[in-house]
C-alpha atoms as a PDB file:
ATOM      1  CA  MET A   1     100.253  91.393 135.021  1.00  0.00           C
ATOM      2  CA  SER A   2     102.279  88.480 133.679  1.00  0.00           C
ATOM      3  CA  THR A   3     102.795  87.731 130.006  1.00  0.00           C
ATOM      4  CA  ALA A   4     100.436  84.770 130.268  1.00  0.00           C
ATOM      5  CA  GLN A   5      97.649  87.164 131.326  1.00  0.00           C
ATOM      6  CA  GLU A   6      98.257  89.678 128.552  1.00  0.00           C
ATOM      7  CA  SER A   7      96.019  89.559 125.535  1.00  0.00           C
ATOM      8  CA  ASP A   8      95.982  91.130 122.099  1.00  0.00           C
ATOM      9  CA  GLY A   9      93.103  89.018 120.867  1.00  0.00           C
ATOM     10  CA  ASP A  10      94.974  85.720 120.796  1.00  0.00           C
ATOM     11  CA  SER A  11      93.386  82.816 122.678  1.00  0.00           C
ATOM     12  CA  THR A  12      96.839  81.745 123.857  1.00  0.00           C
ATOM     13  CA  PRO A  13      99.717  84.203 124.299  1.00  0.00           C
ATOM     14  CA  TRP A  14     102.556  83.539 121.812  1.00  0.00           C
ATOM     15  CA  ASP A  15     100.560  80.753 120.175  1.00  0.00           C
ATOM     16  CA  GLU A  16     102.768  80.940 117.060  1.00  0.00           C
ATOM     17  CA  VAL A  17     105.593  79.442 119.140  1.00  0.00           C
ATOM     18  CA  THR A  18     105.655  75.655 119.097  1.00  0.00           C
ATOM     19  CA  PRO A  19     105.979  73.113 120.603  1.00  0.00           C
ATOM     20  CA  GLU A  20     104.229  73.923 123.875  1.00  0.00           C
ATOM     21  CA  ALA A  21     107.420  73.562 125.912  1.00  0.00           C
ATOM     22  CA  ALA A  22     109.134  76.190 123.758  1.00  0.00           C
ATOM     23  CA  ARG A  23     106.161  78.522 124.202  1.00  0.00           C
ATOM     24  CA  ARG A  24     106.197  78.088 127.988  1.00  0.00           C
ATOM     25  CA  LEU A  25     109.893  78.892 128.102  1.00  0.00           C
ATOM     26  CA  LEU A  26     109.410  81.993 125.971  1.00  0.00           C
ATOM     27  CA  VAL A  27     106.553  83.258 128.170  1.00  0.00           C
ATOM     28  CA  ALA A  28     108.701  82.639 131.250  1.00  0.00           C
ATOM     29  CA  ALA A  29     111.602  84.488 129.662  1.00  0.00           C
ATOM     30  CA  VAL A  30     109.478  87.542 128.889  1.00  0.00           C
ATOM     31  CA  ASP A  31     108.318  87.730 132.498  1.00  0.00           C
ATOM     32  CA  ALA A  32     111.845  87.268 133.845  1.00  0.00           C
ATOM     33  CA  PHE A  33     113.421  89.803 131.473  1.00  0.00           C
ATOM     34  CA  ALA A  34     110.706  92.368 132.230  1.00  0.00           C
ATOM     35  CA  GLU A  35     111.067  91.894 135.987  1.00  0.00           C
ATOM     36  CA  ARG A  36     114.834  91.510 136.380  1.00  0.00           C
ATOM     37  CA  GLY A  37     116.350  92.672 133.099  1.00  0.00           C
ATOM     38  CA  TYR A  38     118.060  90.481 130.542  1.00  0.00           C
ATOM     39  CA  HIS A  39     121.530  90.465 132.083  1.00  0.00           C
ATOM     40  CA  ALA A  40     120.310  89.698 135.616  1.00  0.00           C
ATOM     41  CA  THR A  41     118.186  86.769 134.429  1.00  0.00           C
ATOM     42  CA  THR A  42     119.730  83.304 134.276  1.00  0.00           C
ATOM     43  CA  THR A  43     118.625  80.332 132.226  1.00  0.00           C
ATOM     44  CA  ARG A  44     117.850  78.634 135.532  1.00  0.00           C
ATOM     45  CA  ASP A  45     115.456  81.482 136.388  1.00  0.00           C
ATOM     46  CA  ILE A  46     113.645  81.025 133.071  1.00  0.00           C
ATOM     47  CA  ALA A  47     113.414  77.243 133.319  1.00  0.00           C
ATOM     48  CA  GLY A  48     112.183  77.468 136.906  1.00  0.00           C
ATOM     49  CA  ARG A  49     109.386  79.865 135.955  1.00  0.00           C
ATOM     50  CA  ALA A  50     108.361  77.465 133.191  1.00  0.00           C
ATOM     51  CA  GLY A  51     108.369  74.512 135.613  1.00  0.00           C
ATOM     52  CA  MET A  52     111.160  72.816 133.708  1.00  0.00           C
ATOM     53  CA  SER A  53     114.781  71.827 134.276  1.00  0.00           C
ATOM     54  CA  PRO A  54     117.587  74.110 133.028  1.00  0.00           C
ATOM     55  CA  ALA A  55     118.681  71.359 130.642  1.00  0.00           C
ATOM     56  CA  ALA A  56     115.245  71.392 129.005  1.00  0.00           C
ATOM     57  CA  LEU A  57     115.731  74.980 127.887  1.00  0.00           C
ATOM     58  CA  TYR A  58     118.654  74.051 125.619  1.00  0.00           C
ATOM     59  CA  ILE A  59     116.509  71.558 123.739  1.00  0.00           C
ATOM     60  CA  HIS A  60     114.526  74.473 122.310  1.00  0.00           C
ATOM     61  CA  TYR A  61     116.901  77.459 122.518  1.00  0.00           C
ATOM     62  CA  ARG A  62     120.664  77.274 122.128  1.00  0.00           C
ATOM     63  CA  THR A  63     121.276  80.375 124.266  1.00  0.00           C
ATOM     64  CA  LYS A  64     119.519  82.968 126.379  1.00  0.00           C
ATOM     65  CA  GLU A  65     120.231  85.486 123.622  1.00  0.00           C
ATOM     66  CA  GLU A  66     118.395  83.311 121.103  1.00  0.00           C
ATOM     67  CA  LEU A  67     115.354  83.447 123.366  1.00  0.00           C
ATOM     68  CA  LEU A  68     115.539  87.237 123.510  1.00  0.00           C
ATOM     69  CA  HIS A  69     115.892  87.406 119.738  1.00  0.00           C
ATOM     70  CA  ARG A  70     112.778  85.261 119.222  1.00  0.00           C
ATOM     71  CA  ILE A  71     110.812  87.476 121.612  1.00  0.00           C
ATOM     72  CA  SER A  72     112.085  90.640 119.970  1.00  0.00           C
ATOM     73  CA  ARG A  73     111.456  89.439 116.415  1.00  0.00           C
ATOM     74  CA  ILE A  74     107.876  88.376 117.081  1.00  0.00           C
ATOM     75  CA  GLY A  75     107.143  91.527 119.076  1.00  0.00           C
ATOM     76  CA  HIS A  76     108.543  93.868 116.437  1.00  0.00           C
ATOM     77  CA  ASP A  77     106.720  92.022 113.654  1.00  0.00           C
ATOM     78  CA  ARG A  78     103.440  92.431 115.541  1.00  0.00           C
ATOM     79  CA  ALA A  79     104.026  96.100 116.306  1.00  0.00           C
ATOM     80  CA  LEU A  80     104.962  96.819 112.684  1.00  0.00           C
ATOM     81  CA  LEU A  81     101.811  95.081 111.451  1.00  0.00           C
ATOM     82  CA  VAL A  82      99.720  97.284 113.747  1.00  0.00           C
ATOM     83  CA  LEU A  83     101.257 100.416 112.217  1.00  0.00           C
ATOM     84  CA  GLU A  84     101.113  99.227 108.609  1.00  0.00           C
ATOM     85  CA  THR A  85      97.470  98.193 108.892  1.00  0.00           C
ATOM     86  CA  ALA A  86      96.496 101.670 110.073  1.00  0.00           C
ATOM     87  CA  ALA A  87      98.756 103.473 107.593  1.00  0.00           C
ATOM     88  CA  ASP A  88      97.387 101.527 104.613  1.00  0.00           C
ATOM     89  CA  GLY A  89      93.754 102.053 105.577  1.00  0.00           C
ATOM     90  CA  ASP A  90      91.302 104.501 104.079  1.00  0.00           C
ATOM     91  CA  GLY A  91      91.021 108.119 105.120  1.00  0.00           C
ATOM     92  CA  THR A  92      92.987 111.318 105.302  1.00  0.00           C
ATOM     93  CA  ALA A  93      96.508 111.515 106.633  1.00  0.00           C
ATOM     94  CA  ALA A  94      95.113 112.837 109.919  1.00  0.00           C
ATOM     95  CA  GLU A  95      92.711 109.917 110.210  1.00  0.00           C
ATOM     96  CA  ARG A  96      95.408 107.377 109.392  1.00  0.00           C
ATOM     97  CA  LEU A  97      97.946 108.946 111.767  1.00  0.00           C
ATOM     98  CA  SER A  98      95.328 108.977 114.511  1.00  0.00           C
ATOM     99  CA  ALA A  99      94.497 105.307 113.855  1.00  0.00           C
ATOM    100  CA  ALA A 100      98.181 104.336 113.787  1.00  0.00           C
ATOM    101  CA  VAL A 101      98.961 106.073 117.075  1.00  0.00           C
ATOM    102  CA  ARG A 102      95.815 104.793 118.760  1.00  0.00           C
ATOM    103  CA  SER A 103      96.470 101.160 117.817  1.00  0.00           C
ATOM    104  CA  PHE A 104     100.229 101.352 118.475  1.00  0.00           C
ATOM    105  CA  VAL A 105      99.671 102.816 121.938  1.00  0.00           C
ATOM    106  CA  ARG A 106      96.955 100.296 122.708  1.00  0.00           C
ATOM    107  CA  TRP A 107      99.308  97.446 121.752  1.00  0.00           C
ATOM    108  CA  HIS A 108     102.018  98.778 124.063  1.00  0.00           C
ATOM    109  CA  ALA A 109      99.524  99.167 126.915  1.00  0.00           C
ATOM    110  CA  GLU A 110      97.727  95.836 126.506  1.00  0.00           C
ATOM    111  CA  ARG A 111     101.009  93.941 126.200  1.00  0.00           C
ATOM    112  CA  HIS A 112     103.180  96.214 128.319  1.00  0.00           C
ATOM    113  CA  THR A 113     105.206  93.384 129.895  1.00  0.00           C
ATOM    114  CA  THR A 114     106.139  92.020 126.491  1.00  0.00           C
ATOM    115  CA  ALA A 115     106.625  95.498 125.020  1.00  0.00           C
ATOM    116  CA  ARG A 116     109.107  96.497 127.744  1.00  0.00           C
ATOM    117  CA  VAL A 117     111.326  93.594 126.753  1.00  0.00           C
ATOM    118  CA  VAL A 118     110.837  94.127 123.022  1.00  0.00           C
ATOM    119  CA  GLN A 119     111.558  97.855 123.150  1.00  0.00           C
ATOM    120  CA  TYR A 120     114.141  98.204 125.914  1.00  0.00           C
ATOM    121  CA  GLU A 121     116.414  95.143 125.683  1.00  0.00           C
ATOM    122  CA  LEU A 122     117.674  95.805 122.152  1.00  0.00           C
ATOM    123  CA  ASP A 123     121.285  96.344 123.233  1.00  0.00           C
ATOM    124  CA  ALA A 124     121.440  92.862 124.776  1.00  0.00           C
ATOM    125  CA  LEU A 125     121.139  91.243 121.344  1.00  0.00           C
ATOM    126  CA  GLY A 126     124.174  90.016 119.449  1.00  0.00           C
ATOM    127  CA  GLU A 127     125.397  92.052 116.492  1.00  0.00           C
ATOM    128  CA  GLU A 128     123.609  90.072 113.778  1.00  0.00           C
ATOM    129  CA  HIS A 129     120.320  89.841 115.630  1.00  0.00           C
ATOM    130  CA  ARG A 130     120.478  93.484 116.643  1.00  0.00           C
ATOM    131  CA  ALA A 131     120.930  94.545 113.017  1.00  0.00           C
ATOM    132  CA  GLU A 132     117.861  92.513 112.049  1.00  0.00           C
ATOM    133  CA  ILE A 133     115.708  94.172 114.720  1.00  0.00           C
ATOM    134  CA  VAL A 134     117.035  97.650 113.944  1.00  0.00           C
ATOM    135  CA  ALA A 135     115.905  97.121 110.348  1.00  0.00           C
ATOM    136  CA  LEU A 136     112.382  96.373 111.581  1.00  0.00           C
ATOM    137  CA  ARG A 137     112.428  99.489 113.755  1.00  0.00           C
ATOM    138  CA  ARG A 138     113.424 101.539 110.723  1.00  0.00           C
ATOM    139  CA  ARG A 139     110.413 100.162 108.874  1.00  0.00           C
ATOM    140  CA  SER A 140     108.169 101.343 111.727  1.00  0.00           C
ATOM    141  CA  ASP A 141     109.813 104.757 111.518  1.00  0.00           C
ATOM    142  CA  ALA A 142     109.198 104.816 107.766  1.00  0.00           C
ATOM    143  CA  VAL A 143     105.479 104.096 108.226  1.00  0.00           C
ATOM    144  CA  ILE A 144     104.922 107.086 110.521  1.00  0.00           C
ATOM    145  CA  ARG A 145     107.230 109.292 108.462  1.00  0.00           C
ATOM    146  CA  ARG A 146     105.232 108.454 105.338  1.00  0.00           C
ATOM    147  CA  ILE A 147     101.908 109.414 106.922  1.00  0.00           C
ATOM    148  CA  ILE A 148     103.283 112.678 108.275  1.00  0.00           C
ATOM    149  CA  GLY A 149     104.916 113.480 104.931  1.00  0.00           C
ATOM    150  CA  GLU A 150     101.660 112.834 103.112  1.00  0.00           C
ATOM    151  CA  GLY A 151      99.835 115.062 105.575  1.00  0.00           C
ATOM    152  CA  VAL A 152     102.311 117.875 105.010  1.00  0.00           C
ATOM    153  CA  ALA A 153     102.013 117.512 101.228  1.00  0.00           C
ATOM    154  CA  ALA A 154      98.215 117.599 101.456  1.00  0.00           C
ATOM    155  CA  GLY A 155      98.231 120.691 103.667  1.00  0.00           C
ATOM    156  CA  GLU A 156      96.766 118.781 106.619  1.00  0.00           C
ATOM    157  CA  PHE A 157      99.856 119.049 108.840  1.00  0.00           C
ATOM    158  CA  ASP A 158     102.147 121.915 109.742  1.00  0.00           C
ATOM    159  CA  VAL A 159     105.451 120.146 110.367  1.00  0.00           C
ATOM    160  CA  GLN A 160     108.861 121.653 109.698  1.00  0.00           C
ATOM    161  CA  ASP A 161     110.947 118.620 110.697  1.00  0.00           C
ATOM    162  CA  VAL A 162     109.305 115.376 109.567  1.00  0.00           C
ATOM    163  CA  PRO A 163     112.098 112.997 110.746  1.00  0.00           C
ATOM    164  CA  GLY A 164     112.307 114.671 114.163  1.00  0.00           C
ATOM    165  CA  THR A 165     108.538 114.678 114.587  1.00  0.00           C
ATOM    166  CA  THR A 166     108.404 111.025 113.585  1.00  0.00           C
ATOM    167  CA  LEU A 167     110.929 110.186 116.298  1.00  0.00           C
ATOM    168  CA  ALA A 168     108.921 112.159 118.857  1.00  0.00           C
ATOM    169  CA  VAL A 169     105.680 110.379 117.932  1.00  0.00           C
ATOM    170  CA  LEU A 170     107.202 106.900 118.142  1.00  0.00           C
ATOM    171  CA  SER A 171     109.005 107.685 121.403  1.00  0.00           C
ATOM    172  CA  LEU A 172     105.777 108.937 122.954  1.00  0.00           C
ATOM    173  CA  CYS A 173     103.929 105.763 121.969  1.00  0.00           C
ATOM    174  CA  ILE A 174     106.656 103.313 122.971  1.00  0.00           C
ATOM    175  CA  ASP A 175     107.116 104.870 126.403  1.00  0.00           C
ATOM    176  CA  VAL A 176     103.609 103.697 127.335  1.00  0.00           C
ATOM    177  CA  ALA A 177     105.073 100.224 127.896  1.00  0.00           C
ATOM    178  CA  ARG A 178     107.348 101.626 130.595  1.00  0.00           C
ATOM    179  CA  TRP A 179     104.677 103.209 132.796  1.00  0.00           C
ATOM    180  CA  PHE A 180     101.326 101.578 131.958  1.00  0.00           C
ATOM    181  CA  ASN A 181      99.689  99.798 134.884  1.00  0.00           C
ATOM    182  CA  THR A 182      96.514  97.745 134.603  1.00  0.00           C
ATOM    183  CA  ARG A 183      95.525  99.027 138.053  1.00  0.00           C
ATOM    184  CA  GLY A 184      95.788 102.623 136.865  1.00  0.00           C
ATOM    185  CA  SER A 185      92.932 104.977 136.124  1.00  0.00           C
ATOM    186  CA  ARG A 186      93.049 104.676 132.310  1.00  0.00           C
ATOM    187  CA  THR A 187      92.329 101.730 130.041  1.00  0.00           C
ATOM    188  CA  PRO A 188      94.477 100.963 126.963  1.00  0.00           C
ATOM    189  CA  ASP A 189      91.724 102.396 124.754  1.00  0.00           C
ATOM    190  CA  GLU A 190      91.598 105.610 126.777  1.00  0.00           C
ATOM    191  CA  VAL A 191      95.360 106.057 126.602  1.00  0.00           C
ATOM    192  CA  GLY A 192      95.238 105.375 122.865  1.00  0.00           C
ATOM    193  CA  ASP A 193      92.569 108.038 122.372  1.00  0.00           C
ATOM    194  CA  LEU A 194      94.498 110.539 124.495  1.00  0.00           C
ATOM    195  CA  TYR A 195      97.765 110.018 122.629  1.00  0.00           C
ATOM    196  CA  ALA A 196      96.083 110.147 119.219  1.00  0.00           C
ATOM    197  CA  GLY A 197      94.740 113.580 120.106  1.00  0.00           C
ATOM    198  CA  LEU A 198      98.102 114.730 121.432  1.00  0.00           C
ATOM    199  CA  VAL A 199      99.894 113.645 118.269  1.00  0.00           C
ATOM    200  CA  LEU A 200      97.396 115.367 115.995  1.00  0.00           C
ATOM    201  CA  ARG A 201      97.979 118.603 117.885  1.00  0.00           C
ATOM    202  CA  MET A 202     101.721 117.981 117.638  1.00  0.00           C
ATOM    203  CA  VAL A 203     101.508 117.962 113.841  1.00  0.00           C
ATOM    204  CA  GLY A 204      99.180 120.966 113.742  1.00  0.00           C
ATOM    205  CA  SER A 205      96.064 119.079 112.692  1.00  0.00           C
ATOM    206  CA  ASP A 206      92.487 119.540 113.831  1.00  0.00           C
ATOM    207  CA  GLY A 207      91.751 115.925 112.945  1.00  0.00           C
ATOM    208  CA  GLY A 208      89.785 116.714 109.811  1.00  0.00           C
ATOM    209  CA  ARG A 209      87.072 118.866 111.375  1.00  0.00           C
ATOM    210  CA  PRO A 210      85.376 121.495 109.195  1.00  0.00           C
ATOM    211  CA  GLY A 211      87.512 124.585 108.791  1.00  0.00           C
ATOM    212  CA  ALA A 212      90.788 122.653 108.673  1.00  0.00           C
ATOM    213  CA  ARG A 213      93.926 124.543 107.731  1.00  0.00           C
ATOM    214  CA  GLN A 214      94.398 124.944 104.014  1.00  0.00           C
ATOM    215  CA  LYS A 215      97.720 125.887 102.441  1.00  0.00           C
END
């Protein structure tokens, strides 16, 4: 599946990127980076995929790294919003953790081409841009850590190492982008449901069913 075919509810992928030529170049860059890797992709490759001349790319993006930064910034902003929306919703810690994992996994499955670039090309960014994206990743970590911490405090979760468990949960979710295949046997929703259940068991929760552990 190409980036242009991915959907997270938007009528047009990356529709916040304007003008249209800049959007086409960004979509082409995502596909090229996901297929070949950032370092093996040339600006000529990107322009060719967009049906444009190499010179046209520099009208909208000064460098290939600037393109990657734009992709990474938008992708991390979207992923963070998914987590924050679930974390700030109603319900118990177990319900909110389940919702956060389910939606985060679904995002990485539905937009797996984009997510592979967003999550696995971090080291290709320049120092300043990398620091900016790392700060966003820390905010995602803080969202999950907060839910788990609240669950521990409420007696819903049995977790001895909250930071380590947070890292395990996020790693599990993010890795979906690496292996998910639209021709596989599971849909994004099914993978989201599966992982939500796995994570709840990881933190020692029964998901809020009657007879839940009380401390």
